[in-house]
Every structure is written in structure tokens, then in C-alpha cells.
Amino acid sequence: MTEPTTSDLPTGVVQAGEWSGVGNEFTGVQFRKVWTRNGERLEIVVPRTGQRILLDAMALEAIAGQAPEFFTRMIAVGLGAADE
């Protein structure tokens, strides 16, 4: 897994913490805490695809409140394994 560089700050990010990551046999992600002019965010990057997102505390709270079945369905749809 190639780790994004700290000099590669997304637009609007003024400071970034250290990278950490999690992975399994299917994928891996890198994440770090970043600071923007509008507050703290969690930056999540998928090195394999280059996809990236910044999530604030409200978005993370909404994610944490989901049942595991929500993610099972979301993953199935993303992989094209679910009936639309």
C-alpha cells in the first residue's frame, strides 16, 4: 500500500496529522486527522484508487449510528451484487 505524502494536502487543509491505516485481503485505507479553516476533519484515502474524502464530526456521528446491515447493503450495491 502506497502511503500518501503529508505534502499532498487537499484543498482547504492547513495542517495534517500522521497517517495510520487498516486493511485486509480485499482493500486497505489510510486515514489521518486534518485541520481546515472550518474545523477538524478525518481524511480517508484509498491508495489503490486514489479516492479521498474529508468527514467532519457530524458525518462521523451519522456513520457511527448505522446498523451493520446498512454497510452490508452499501458494499453489495457498490460491487454490483445487489438487486437495484
Protein backbone atom coordinates (compact mmCIF):
# COMPACT_ATOMS: atom_id res chain seq x y z
CA MET A 1 0.00 0.00 0.00
CA THR A 2 1.49 3.32 -1.06
CA GLU A 3 1.13 5.94 1.66
CA PRO A 4 0.01 9.43 0.58
CA THR A 5 2.55 12.12 1.39
CA THR A 6 1.99 14.79 4.01
CA SER A 7 2.92 17.47 1.47
CA ASP A 8 -0.10 16.42 -0.61
CA LEU A 9 -2.67 18.39 1.40
CA PRO A 10 -6.19 18.58 -0.03
CA THR A 11 -7.61 22.00 -0.87
CA GLY A 12 -8.56 23.83 2.30
CA VAL A 13 -6.45 21.71 4.65
CA VAL A 14 -3.97 23.80 6.63
CA GLN A 15 -2.39 21.10 8.80
CA ALA A 16 -2.38 17.30 8.89
CA GLY A 17 -1.58 14.64 11.46
CA GLU A 18 0.28 11.37 10.93
CA TRP A 19 -1.14 8.70 8.64
CA SER A 20 -2.46 5.43 10.00
CA GLY A 21 -4.24 2.66 8.18
CA VAL A 22 -6.27 -0.51 8.18
CA GLY A 23 -6.55 -3.23 5.60
CA ASN A 24 -7.47 -6.80 4.86
CA GLU A 25 -7.12 -9.19 1.94
CA PHE A 26 -9.58 -7.13 -0.14
CA THR A 27 -8.58 -3.50 0.39
CA GLY A 28 -6.76 -1.02 2.55
CA VAL A 29 -7.31 2.58 3.60
CA GLN A 30 -5.15 5.29 5.09
CA PHE A 31 -6.57 7.93 7.44
CA ARG A 32 -5.41 10.97 9.39
CA LYS A 33 -6.81 13.91 11.31
CA VAL A 34 -6.60 17.19 9.40
CA TRP A 35 -7.35 20.79 10.28
CA THR A 36 -9.17 23.16 7.94
CA ARG A 37 -10.28 26.75 8.31
CA ASN A 38 -13.69 25.30 9.23
CA GLY A 39 -12.51 22.85 11.88
CA GLU A 40 -11.19 19.33 12.27
CA ARG A 41 -11.87 16.54 9.79
CA LEU A 42 -10.96 12.90 9.29
CA GLU A 43 -9.34 12.37 5.89
CA ILE A 44 -9.72 8.87 4.46
CA VAL A 45 -7.81 7.77 1.35
CA VAL A 46 -7.96 4.56 -0.69
CA PRO A 47 -4.42 4.38 -2.11
CA ARG A 48 -5.34 1.76 -4.72
CA THR A 49 -7.92 4.03 -6.40
CA GLY A 50 -6.91 7.48 -5.19
CA GLN A 51 -10.39 8.09 -3.78
CA ARG A 52 -10.39 10.51 -0.85
CA ILE A 53 -12.94 12.08 1.49
CA LEU A 54 -12.92 14.55 4.37
CA LEU A 55 -15.53 13.88 7.08
CA ASP A 56 -16.48 16.22 9.91
CA ALA A 57 -17.80 15.18 13.32
CA MET A 58 -21.45 15.28 12.21
CA ALA A 59 -20.77 12.96 9.25
CA LEU A 60 -18.85 10.56 11.50
CA GLU A 61 -21.67 10.57 14.04
CA ALA A 62 -24.15 9.70 11.29
CA ILE A 63 -21.92 6.82 10.14
CA ALA A 64 -21.49 5.53 13.70
CA GLY A 65 -25.27 5.40 14.14
CA GLN A 66 -25.82 2.98 11.26
CA ALA A 67 -26.64 -0.68 11.73
CA PRO A 68 -24.15 -3.17 10.25
CA GLU A 69 -26.77 -4.17 7.66
CA PHE A 70 -26.57 -0.65 6.18
CA PHE A 71 -22.91 -1.23 5.30
CA THR A 72 -23.57 -4.75 4.01
CA ARG A 73 -26.14 -3.34 1.57
CA MET A 74 -23.91 -0.39 0.61
CA ILE A 75 -20.99 -2.70 -0.18
CA ALA A 76 -23.20 -5.08 -2.15
CA VAL A 77 -24.56 -2.21 -4.27
CA GLY A 78 -21.04 -0.84 -4.83
CA LEU A 79 -19.86 -4.23 -6.06
CA GLY A 80 -22.90 -4.71 -8.26
CA ALA A 81 -24.02 -7.73 -6.23
CA ALA A 82 -27.36 -6.28 -5.07
CA ASP A 83 -30.65 -6.08 -6.92
CA GLU A 84 -31.36 -2.39 -7.50
